[in-house]
Protein backbone atom coordinates (compact mmCIF):
# COMPACT_ATOMS: atom_id res chain seq x y z
CA MET A 1 55.66 42.64 39.96
CA ALA A 2 55.21 45.22 42.72
CA THR A 3 54.31 42.51 45.24
CA GLU A 4 57.41 40.50 44.35
CA GLN A 5 59.51 43.63 44.77
CA ARG A 6 58.05 44.17 48.23
CA VAL A 7 59.00 40.62 49.22
CA SER A 8 62.52 41.19 47.90
CA GLN A 9 62.76 44.42 49.86
CA ARG A 10 61.73 42.65 53.06
CA LEU A 11 64.38 40.01 52.53
CA ARG A 12 66.99 42.70 51.88
CA ASP A 13 66.01 44.42 55.13
CA LEU A 14 66.26 41.09 56.94
CA LYS A 15 69.74 40.48 55.52
CA ARG A 16 70.84 43.94 56.58
CA ARG A 17 69.72 43.30 60.16
CA LEU A 18 71.33 39.86 60.28
CA LYS A 19 74.64 41.06 58.86
CA GLN A 20 75.76 42.39 62.23
CA GLU A 21 73.91 39.91 64.41
CA ASN A 22 74.77 36.62 62.69
CA PRO A 23 76.44 36.62 59.25
CA ILE A 24 75.67 32.91 58.80
CA LEU A 25 71.93 33.58 58.90
CA GLU A 26 72.45 36.41 56.43
CA SER A 27 73.59 33.80 53.88
CA VAL A 28 70.65 31.57 54.80
CA VAL A 29 68.29 34.27 53.51
CA ASP A 30 69.75 33.77 50.00
CA SER A 31 69.02 30.04 50.23
CA PHE A 32 65.43 30.81 51.17
CA ARG A 33 65.25 33.05 48.11
CA GLU A 34 66.25 30.09 45.95
CA LEU A 35 63.47 28.00 47.48
CA ASP A 36 61.03 30.86 46.77
CA ARG A 37 62.11 30.89 43.12
CA ILE A 38 61.57 27.14 42.81
CA SER A 39 58.20 27.31 44.55
CA ARG A 40 57.00 30.04 42.17
CA ARG A 41 58.11 28.01 39.16
CA LEU A 42 56.07 25.10 40.47
CA GLY A 43 53.09 27.38 40.97
CA PHE A 44 53.23 26.51 44.67
CA PHE A 45 53.85 30.13 45.73
CA SER A 46 52.39 33.39 44.56
CA ARG A 47 54.60 36.43 44.12
CA ASP A 48 53.85 37.77 47.59
CA GLU A 49 54.84 34.59 49.44
CA SER A 50 58.23 33.59 50.82
CA HIS A 51 59.42 30.61 52.82
CA ALA A 52 61.43 33.07 54.91
CA ASN A 53 58.15 34.51 56.19
CA ARG A 54 57.00 31.14 57.49
CA THR A 55 59.37 31.21 60.44
CA SER A 56 60.39 33.65 63.14
CA TRP A 57 63.85 35.14 62.67
CA TRP A 58 63.76 36.34 66.25
CA PRO A 59 64.44 33.95 69.15
CA LEU A 60 60.95 32.92 70.26
CA ILE A 61 59.83 31.75 73.71
CA SER A 62 56.23 30.68 74.28
CA VAL A 63 54.47 30.25 77.61
CA LEU A 64 51.55 27.81 77.42
CA GLY A 65 49.56 25.84 79.93
CA VAL A 66 46.43 25.51 82.03
CA TYR A 67 44.20 28.35 83.13
CA SER A 68 45.34 30.28 86.25
CA SER A 69 48.67 28.46 86.48
CA GLY A 70 50.64 31.68 86.92
CA LYS A 71 51.88 32.08 83.35
CA SER A 72 51.48 35.85 83.33
CA SER A 73 53.03 36.14 86.80
CA PHE A 74 56.06 34.23 85.55
CA VAL A 75 56.30 36.52 82.52
CA ASN A 76 56.24 39.60 84.78
CA HIS A 77 58.87 38.10 87.07
CA PHE A 78 61.17 37.24 84.19
CA LEU A 79 60.81 40.68 82.62
CA GLY A 80 61.14 42.48 85.94
CA TYR A 81 58.22 44.57 84.76
CA PRO A 82 54.49 44.49 85.70
CA LEU A 83 53.31 43.99 82.12
CA GLN A 84 50.62 41.33 82.27
CA ALA A 85 47.47 41.35 84.38
CA THR A 86 47.59 38.67 87.07
CA GLY A 87 45.36 37.17 89.74
CA ASN A 88 42.41 34.83 89.81
CA GLN A 89 40.13 37.48 88.32
CA ALA A 90 42.36 38.16 85.33
CA VAL A 91 40.89 36.64 82.18
CA ASP A 92 43.67 36.22 79.62
CA ASP A 93 41.70 35.39 76.50
CA LYS A 94 44.24 36.39 73.84
CA PHE A 95 47.67 35.32 72.70
CA THR A 96 49.94 38.22 73.69
CA VAL A 97 53.11 38.69 71.66
CA ILE A 98 55.60 40.73 73.69
CA CYS A 99 58.59 42.49 72.15
CA PHE A 100 61.13 45.10 73.21
CA THR A 101 60.74 48.85 72.81
CA ASP A 102 63.05 51.77 73.56
CA GLU A 103 60.08 53.77 74.79
CA ARG A 104 59.32 53.82 78.49
CA ARG A 105 55.63 53.35 77.97
CA VAL A 106 53.86 50.10 77.13
CA ARG A 107 51.86 49.96 73.93
CA VAL A 108 49.07 47.48 73.21
CA LEU A 109 48.48 46.95 69.48
CA PRO A 110 45.73 44.89 67.78
CA GLY A 111 46.17 41.48 66.20
CA LEU A 112 46.26 43.09 62.77
CA ALA A 113 49.72 44.45 63.63
CA LEU A 114 50.94 40.83 63.77
CA ASP A 115 48.86 39.38 60.93
CA ALA A 116 50.08 41.97 58.39
CA ASP A 117 53.77 42.16 59.37
CA PRO A 118 56.05 39.42 57.95
CA ARG A 119 58.68 40.17 60.61
CA PHE A 120 56.49 38.56 63.28
CA PRO A 121 55.63 34.86 63.66
CA PHE A 122 51.89 35.42 63.02
CA PHE A 123 52.13 36.79 59.49
CA ARG A 124 48.86 35.92 57.72
CA VAL A 125 47.76 33.60 60.49
CA SER A 126 44.21 34.82 59.78
CA ARG A 127 44.26 32.68 56.63
CA ALA A 128 45.18 29.60 58.67
CA ILE A 129 42.35 30.37 61.09
CA ASP A 130 39.88 30.69 58.20
CA GLU A 131 40.88 27.25 56.94
CA VAL A 132 39.71 25.59 60.16
CA ALA A 133 36.97 28.04 61.19
CA HIS A 134 35.47 29.87 58.23
CA GLY A 135 35.01 33.57 58.89
CA GLU A 136 37.05 33.64 62.09
CA GLY A 137 40.07 35.10 60.30
CA ARG A 138 38.24 38.44 60.18
CA ARG A 139 38.22 38.42 63.99
CA ILE A 140 42.01 38.27 64.30
CA ASP A 141 41.94 40.99 66.98
CA ALA A 142 39.93 38.62 69.19
CA TYR A 143 42.80 36.11 69.16
CA LEU A 144 46.00 38.15 69.12
CA GLN A 145 47.51 41.32 70.51
CA LEU A 146 51.00 42.85 70.45
CA LYS A 147 52.53 44.45 73.52
CA THR A 148 55.77 46.39 73.72
CA CYS A 149 57.83 46.44 76.90
CA PRO A 150 61.03 48.32 77.83
CA SER A 151 62.55 45.37 79.72
CA GLU A 152 66.12 44.67 78.61
CA LYS A 153 65.41 40.95 79.04
CA LEU A 154 63.36 41.18 75.83
CA ARG A 155 65.98 42.80 73.65
CA GLY A 156 66.45 40.57 70.60
CA LYS A 157 63.71 38.14 71.67
CA ILE A 158 59.96 37.60 71.31
CA LEU A 159 57.89 36.24 74.18
CA ILE A 160 54.36 34.85 73.78
CA ASP A 161 51.95 34.61 76.70
CA SER A 162 48.98 32.39 75.89
CA PRO A 163 45.41 32.23 77.21
CA GLY A 164 44.60 29.42 79.58
CA PHE A 165 44.25 25.97 78.12
CA ASP A 166 40.67 25.58 79.34
CA ALA A 167 38.86 22.65 77.76
CA ASP A 168 35.44 24.30 78.18
CA ALA A 169 36.49 27.29 76.10
CA GLN A 170 38.52 25.54 73.44
CA ARG A 171 37.97 26.46 69.84
CA THR A 172 39.52 24.87 66.80
CA SER A 173 41.09 28.15 65.75
CA THR A 174 42.75 28.59 69.17
CA LEU A 175 44.29 25.14 68.91
CA ARG A 176 45.50 25.99 65.41
CA ILE A 177 47.28 29.08 66.74
CA THR A 178 48.73 27.03 69.60
CA ASP A 179 50.17 24.47 67.17
CA HIS A 180 51.53 27.30 65.02
CA ILE A 181 53.28 28.81 68.06
CA ILE A 182 54.79 25.47 69.07
CA ASP A 183 56.18 24.88 65.59
CA LEU A 184 57.92 28.26 65.51
CA SER A 185 59.14 28.44 69.11
CA ASP A 186 62.71 27.85 70.19
CA LEU A 187 61.59 27.19 73.76
CA VAL A 188 58.15 26.13 75.02
CA LEU A 189 57.30 26.48 78.72
CA VAL A 190 54.25 24.38 79.62
CA PHE A 191 52.75 25.49 82.95
CA PHE A 192 50.64 23.46 85.37
CA ASP A 193 48.94 24.55 88.59
CA ALA A 194 50.12 22.78 91.75
CA ARG A 195 46.88 23.84 93.48
CA HIS A 196 44.66 21.93 91.02
CA PRO A 197 46.68 18.94 89.75
CA GLU A 198 43.62 16.94 88.68
CA SER A 199 41.61 19.62 86.85
CA GLY A 200 40.06 19.00 83.45
CA SER A 201 42.27 21.66 81.90
CA MET A 202 45.33 19.78 83.13
CA ARG A 203 44.15 16.58 81.45
CA ASP A 204 43.59 18.45 78.18
CA THR A 205 47.02 20.05 78.48
CA LEU A 206 48.53 16.61 78.97
CA GLU A 207 46.74 15.48 75.84
CA HIS A 208 47.58 18.37 73.54
CA LEU A 209 50.84 19.79 74.87
CA VAL A 210 52.52 16.70 76.28
CA ARG A 211 51.39 13.60 74.41
CA ARG A 212 51.65 15.30 71.00
CA ALA A 213 55.05 16.77 71.82
CA ILE A 214 56.73 13.48 72.69
CA GLY A 215 57.20 12.27 69.11
CA ARG A 216 58.44 15.60 67.80
CA PRO A 217 62.08 15.78 66.67
CA ASP A 218 62.42 19.01 68.67
CA SER A 219 60.83 17.65 71.87
CA ASN A 220 63.83 18.84 73.90
CA LYS A 221 62.61 22.43 73.57
CA PHE A 222 59.70 21.71 75.93
CA LEU A 223 60.09 22.55 79.63
CA TYR A 224 57.33 21.39 81.98
CA VAL A 225 56.76 23.69 84.95
CA LEU A 226 54.65 22.96 88.04
CA ASN A 227 53.97 26.47 89.30
CA GLN A 228 52.68 27.73 92.66
CA ILE A 229 54.25 24.82 94.52
CA ASP A 230 54.30 27.09 97.59
CA ALA A 231 50.55 26.41 97.89
CA THR A 232 51.50 22.96 99.22
CA VAL A 233 53.49 24.35 102.15
CA ALA A 234 50.56 24.10 104.57
CA GLY A 235 50.47 20.32 104.26
CA ASP A 236 54.22 20.09 103.69
CA ASN A 237 53.55 17.69 100.83
CA SER A 238 55.32 19.41 97.94
CA ASP A 239 57.36 16.28 97.19
CA GLU A 240 54.19 14.20 97.00
CA VAL A 241 52.44 16.70 94.72
CA PHE A 242 55.50 16.94 92.47
CA ALA A 243 55.77 13.13 92.25
CA SER A 244 52.06 12.82 91.46
CA TRP A 245 52.43 15.40 88.70
CA GLN A 246 55.40 13.57 87.23
CA ARG A 247 53.40 10.33 87.23
CA ALA A 248 50.67 12.09 85.26
CA LEU A 249 53.30 13.21 82.74
CA ALA A 250 54.66 9.66 82.56
CA GLN A 251 51.18 8.26 81.92
CA SER A 252 50.97 10.62 78.95
CA GLY A 253 54.18 9.09 77.62
CA LEU A 254 56.77 11.55 78.93
CA THR A 255 59.43 9.30 80.46
CA ALA A 256 62.24 11.86 80.24
CA GLY A 257 62.19 15.61 80.14
CA CYS A 258 62.92 18.81 81.96
CA CYS A 259 60.48 19.20 84.85
CA TYR A 260 60.62 22.05 87.35
CA ALA A 261 58.65 23.08 90.44
CA ILE A 262 58.63 26.82 91.08
CA TYR A 263 56.68 29.70 92.58
CA ILE A 264 56.95 33.44 91.99
CA PRO A 265 58.73 35.22 94.87
CA GLU A 266 56.54 38.33 94.68
CA LEU A 267 53.38 36.23 95.12
CA ALA A 268 54.69 33.63 97.55
CA VAL A 269 52.58 32.21 100.35
CA PRO A 270 54.11 33.33 103.69
CA ILE A 271 56.14 30.53 105.26
CA ALA A 272 56.60 30.99 108.99
CA ASP A 273 59.12 28.23 109.61
CA ALA A 274 62.59 29.46 108.63
CA ALA A 275 63.96 26.03 107.74
CA THR A 276 60.97 25.20 105.55
CA ARG A 277 61.15 28.61 103.89
CA ALA A 278 64.85 28.19 103.14
CA ARG A 279 64.25 24.72 101.65
CA TYR A 280 61.46 25.96 99.38
CA GLU A 281 63.39 29.05 98.32
CA SER A 282 66.51 27.04 97.54
CA LYS A 283 64.62 24.68 95.22
CA ARG A 284 62.69 27.56 93.66
CA ASP A 285 65.78 29.64 92.95
CA ALA A 286 67.67 26.69 91.45
CA ASN A 287 64.76 25.83 89.13
CA LEU A 288 64.12 29.45 88.10
CA GLN A 289 67.81 29.87 87.35
CA ALA A 290 67.78 26.74 85.16
CA ILE A 291 64.75 28.03 83.24
CA PHE A 292 66.29 31.48 82.78
CA GLN A 293 69.51 29.93 81.47
CA ARG A 294 67.51 28.03 78.85
CA ILE A 295 65.79 31.28 77.86
CA GLU A 296 69.17 32.97 77.43
CA GLN A 297 70.23 30.18 75.04
CA VAL A 298 67.35 30.64 72.60
CA GLY A 299 69.48 32.80 70.30
CA VAL A 300 71.71 29.82 69.58
CA GLN A 301 68.75 27.47 69.20
CA ARG A 302 67.09 29.99 66.87
CA ALA A 303 70.00 29.79 64.41
CA TYR A 304 69.87 25.99 64.27
CA ARG A 305 66.06 26.06 64.00
CA ILE A 306 66.10 28.34 60.96
CA ILE A 307 68.76 26.27 59.20
CA GLY A 308 66.80 23.13 60.05
CA MET A 309 63.70 24.66 58.51
CA LEU A 310 65.69 25.49 55.37
CA GLU A 311 66.64 21.85 54.92
CA GLN A 312 63.15 20.63 55.82
CA THR A 313 61.60 22.97 53.25
CA ALA A 314 63.93 21.77 50.50
CA HIS A 315 63.10 18.18 51.44
CA MET A 316 59.37 18.96 51.53
CA LEU A 317 59.40 20.43 48.02
CA GLU A 318 61.22 17.42 46.55
CA SER A 319 59.75 14.57 48.60
CA GLU A 320 56.20 15.80 49.31
CA VAL A 321 55.06 18.64 47.06
CA VAL A 322 56.31 17.32 43.70
CA PRO A 323 55.27 13.65 44.28
CA ARG A 324 51.85 14.73 45.53
CA LEU A 325 51.33 16.95 42.48
CA GLN A 326 52.46 14.09 40.24
CA ARG A 327 49.97 11.77 41.89
CA PHE A 328 47.04 14.13 41.41
CA LEU A 329 48.10 14.94 37.85
CA SER A 330 48.26 11.22 37.11
CA GLU A 331 44.76 10.82 38.53
CA TRP A 332 43.55 13.75 36.43
CA ARG A 333 45.15 12.30 33.28
CA ARG A 334 43.67 8.85 33.89
CA MET A 335 40.19 10.24 34.57
CA THR A 336 40.33 12.47 31.47
CA LEU A 337 41.45 9.67 29.16
CA TRP A 338 38.78 7.33 30.46
CA LEU A 339 36.04 9.92 29.94
CA ASP A 340 37.44 10.83 26.51
CA GLY A 341 37.33 7.17 25.54
CA PHE A 342 33.84 6.74 26.93
CA PHE A 343 32.49 9.89 25.23
CA PHE A 344 34.09 9.47 21.81
CA GLY A 345 33.58 5.72 21.88
CA GLY A 346 29.91 6.41 22.57
CA LEU A 347 29.76 8.78 19.60
CA LEU A 348 31.35 6.15 17.37
CA ALA A 349 28.90 3.54 18.58
CA LEU A 350 26.01 5.95 17.94
CA PHE A 351 27.31 6.62 14.41
CA LEU A 352 27.47 2.89 13.68
CA VAL A 353 23.98 2.30 15.04
CA VAL A 354 22.48 5.13 12.96
CA THR A 355 24.26 4.20 9.73
CA ILE A 356 23.51 0.48 10.08
CA ASN A 357 19.84 1.12 10.81
CA GLY A 358 19.75 3.54 7.88
CA GLY A 359 20.96 0.84 5.52
CA TYR A 360 24.15 2.66 4.59
CA TRP A 361 26.21 -0.53 5.07
CA ASP A 362 24.03 -2.77 2.89
CA GLY A 363 26.03 -5.24 0.82
CA LEU A 364 29.16 -4.23 2.77
CA SER A 365 29.37 -1.23 0.49
CA LEU A 366 29.00 1.96 2.46
CA ARG A 367 26.49 4.30 0.78
CA LEU A 368 27.21 7.71 2.26
CA PRO A 369 24.38 10.23 2.72
CA PHE A 370 24.12 12.93 0.09
CA TRP A 371 25.55 15.70 2.25
CA ILE A 372 28.88 13.87 2.57
CA TYR A 373 29.48 14.44 -1.14
CA LEU A 374 29.55 18.14 -0.52
CA ALA A 375 33.01 17.50 0.89
CA ASP A 376 34.22 17.22 -2.69
CA TYR A 377 34.27 21.01 -2.68
CA PRO A 378 37.53 22.26 -1.05
CA THR A 379 35.95 25.18 0.82
CA ILE A 380 33.17 23.09 2.27
CA ARG A 381 35.63 20.31 3.08
CA LEU A 382 37.75 22.80 5.02
CA MET A 383 34.73 24.14 6.87
CA LEU A 384 33.53 20.67 7.79
CA THR A 385 36.99 19.69 8.96
CA ALA A 386 37.27 22.85 11.10
CA LEU A 387 33.79 22.31 12.50
CA LEU A 388 34.56 18.69 13.37
CA ALA A 389 37.90 19.64 14.99
CA ALA A 390 36.21 22.40 16.98
CA ALA A 391 33.53 20.02 18.21
CA VAL A 392 36.10 17.39 19.20
CA GLY A 393 38.30 20.03 20.89
CA TYR A 394 35.39 21.55 22.76
CA ALA A 395 34.29 18.16 24.02
CA HIS A 396 37.83 17.21 25.09
CA PHE A 397 38.56 20.47 26.91
CA SER A 398 35.16 20.41 28.59
CA ILE A 399 36.03 16.95 29.90
CA ARG A 400 39.48 18.23 31.02
CA ARG A 401 37.92 21.13 32.88
CA TRP A 402 35.35 18.94 34.60
CA THR A 403 37.89 16.31 35.67
CA SER A 404 40.33 18.99 36.92
CA GLN A 405 37.58 20.40 39.13
CA ARG A 406 36.85 16.94 40.51
CA VAL A 407 40.51 16.25 41.25
CA ALA A 408 40.95 19.72 42.80
CA ARG A 409 38.09 18.93 45.21
CA ARG A 410 39.78 15.66 46.14
CA LEU A 411 43.02 17.53 46.66
CA ALA A 412 41.28 20.00 48.97
CA ALA A 413 39.88 17.10 50.99
CA ASP A 414 43.32 15.55 51.56
CA PRO A 415 44.15 16.11 55.28
CA GLN A 416 47.87 15.97 54.54
CA VAL A 417 47.77 19.23 52.57
CA ILE A 418 45.80 21.29 55.09
CA ASP A 419 48.79 23.50 56.02
CA PHE A 420 49.47 24.37 52.37
CA LEU A 421 46.02 23.87 50.85
CA PRO A 422 45.86 27.09 48.75
CA ASN A 423 49.39 26.43 47.51
CA TYR A 424 48.60 22.90 46.31
CA VAL A 425 45.39 24.03 44.64
CA ARG A 426 47.23 26.87 42.89
CA ALA A 427 49.99 24.53 41.67
CA PHE A 428 47.46 21.96 40.41
CA HIS A 429 45.51 24.59 38.47
CA LYS A 430 48.75 25.78 36.88
CA ASN A 431 49.41 22.24 35.66
CA SER A 432 45.86 21.70 34.37
CA ARG A 433 45.63 24.83 32.23
CA TRP A 434 44.24 24.27 28.74
CA PHE A 435 47.53 24.57 26.86
CA ARG A 436 49.40 21.98 28.94
CA SER A 437 49.42 18.44 27.63
CA ILE A 438 47.86 15.87 29.92
CA PHE A 439 50.70 13.51 28.99
CA ARG A 440 53.32 15.62 30.80
CA ARG A 441 54.71 13.39 33.54
CA HIS A 442 56.35 16.12 35.62
CA PRO A 443 54.68 19.19 37.14
CA ALA A 444 55.28 22.57 35.55
CA GLY A 445 58.58 24.05 36.64
CA TRP A 446 60.10 20.73 37.67
CA GLY A 447 63.14 19.17 36.04
CA ASP A 448 66.70 18.02 36.57
CA ARG A 449 67.98 21.55 36.97
CA VAL A 450 65.48 22.33 39.72
CA ALA A 451 66.26 19.03 41.44
CA ARG A 452 69.95 19.95 41.43
CA SER A 453 69.12 23.35 42.92
CA LEU A 454 67.22 21.72 45.77
CA ALA A 455 70.11 19.33 46.37
CA GLN A 456 72.43 22.34 46.50
CA VAL A 457 70.23 24.03 49.11
CA SER A 458 70.37 20.86 51.22
CA ASP A 459 74.16 20.81 50.91
CA ASP A 460 74.27 24.49 51.85
CA SER A 461 72.23 23.83 55.00
CA GLN A 462 74.80 21.27 56.15
CA LEU A 463 77.54 23.80 55.51
CA TYR A 464 75.66 26.40 57.57
CA VAL A 465 75.38 23.93 60.46
CA GLN A 466 79.11 23.28 60.30
CA LYS A 467 79.76 27.02 60.46
CA LEU A 468 77.48 27.30 63.48
CA ASN A 469 79.32 24.44 65.13
CA ASP A 470 82.58 26.27 64.52
CA MET A 471 81.07 29.32 66.19
CA TYR A 472 79.50 27.61 69.20
CA ALA A 473 81.06 24.17 69.64
CA ASN A 474 84.36 23.92 67.79
CA PRO A 475 86.08 20.90 69.39
CA SER A 476 89.51 22.20 68.34
CA GLY A 477 89.04 25.22 70.56
CA GLU A 478 89.98 27.58 67.73
CA SER A 479 87.36 30.09 66.65
CA PRO A 480 87.83 31.49 63.16
CA PRO A 481 87.58 35.25 62.83
CA LEU A 482 84.24 36.78 61.97
CA GLN A 483 85.45 37.68 58.48
CA GLU A 484 85.48 34.00 57.50
CA TRP A 485 81.75 33.70 58.13
CA GLU A 486 81.08 36.95 56.31
CA HIS A 487 82.78 35.52 53.19
CA MET A 488 81.28 32.06 53.41
CA PRO A 489 80.74 30.79 49.86
CA THR A 490 77.20 31.15 48.57
CA PRO A 491 76.12 29.00 45.58
CA GLU A 492 75.33 30.62 42.30
CA ARG A 493 71.63 31.42 41.97
CA SER A 494 69.69 31.89 38.79
CA GLY A 495 66.62 34.05 38.57
CA SER A 496 66.78 35.21 42.19
C-alpha cells in the first residue's frame, strides 16, 4: 500500500504544480488516475506504476542527428550559455537532459537521477534498456546525464542533447532511448552536417530519423536542420548543397516538411565579401528565428500531446490490451482442455485395457476386483472418493500450470508487446491463477462497467481538447475567464 500511496502523492504534487500553470491539465491528471485504476484491476499495472509517469509533463525539445553536426553548439547558442562541450574533439557519448535551475552554477548529475525520478521523461528507462540489451540497464549512467543551467530560455522546458548518430557506434539500447525520446518530445530537431552530406552517419540518420518519422501521426513535430552551411561559402555553392540534401530527404520519403539551413554566429567561417556575408546572415537569421519560434510554442503542443496520450491510452487498453489478453487466455483454455482430454482419455483407455485383459468384463457382466467392495464401507468410500478427486485435481492443475507457462513464453515472444512485456505477463498470470475458471471469457477486472469508464475517459479527452481550443484558438474571439477552466466538470470516479 505504501508504494500506491507514493504514486498518489506524486500525482497530487503534479496537480498542485499544474493548477497555476494550466488548470485543464490539472483535470487530466484525474483521468490518468482512472486509467491507473482500470489497469490495476486488469493486472496490467502494479501498485507503483502510473500512466501519468509514461509521458513528460514538461514541454520537451530533443536535438538529434549525425555526429559533429553542431548539435551542442546550437544548444549553447539557443541557451545563450556555454553549457555543452563543442568542437571536433568533443565526444558527446551520452544523452544529456538539460533543465532550468535558479542557481548560478551548472550541476552535472548521473543517469540515476533521471531513471529514479518520475517527473522526468526517463523514469525507469533502465528497464526498457534491459529488455533489449540484458544487463545494460545497470549501466544507466553510461547512457544518460542530467545538467542544470540558469538560462531563462529553459524555464518551464526540458531540452535533450543527444550523442551523434554514428552507425559504427550504434547499440540497440541507444536506439531504444532515441525512440523513447522521439515518442515523448513535443519538438524534434534533426541535425545534418553540411560539410559531410554523404557520410555513413547521414544515411543512417535518414533511415532511422527520417524514413521512420514519415508515417507517424505527429510527423509535423520534426524539423530538419542542415547546420554549418557557412562551410560552403568558399565554393559559393550553398544552394546546391541545400538542394542535394533535400533530394536525399525526398529519396527517404520526405516530400514535405520543415527544412532549414543555418550556422551558429559565434562559430561562423569568416566571409570577406560583404554582399555574400549579408546574404548568408539574412538566411541564417530568418531560419534560426523560425526554429526559435517553434521552440517557444512547445508549451501549447505539450498540452495537446498529453491529452492525445490520454485518449490513446484509453484506446490501447480497450482495443489492444484486453483483446490480446482474451486471445492468449483462449489459447491457454484450448490447450488445457485438449491436454485434459488427452490425459484423462488415456487413463480411461488404460482402465479399459487392464480390465478387459483381466477378464472383468466376461459375459458382459463386470466382475469388479475385491478391493472395490471395500467401498461399501462409508468411511473407506469417502477416503477413496477424496483420494480420486485429489488425484484428478492435481493432474488438472498440473496441466493448467504447464500450459500457462507455455502460453506465457509465447506471449513474451510476441513483438507487439515488447513495450509493455512485463505488464502483459503480469496480467496473464493474474488470469491463470489456480482459483480462476478457465471458462471465463473476459480477463479479470474487465466488464461493462470498466468499458463505460474507458468510454468516459475518451469523452473527457475530447472535452479537454475543446477547452484547449477555447484557450488558444477560439474562433469566436471570446476567451472565457480562467475560472471556467478551473471548474470544468470532472466525471465521477470510483476507487481512485
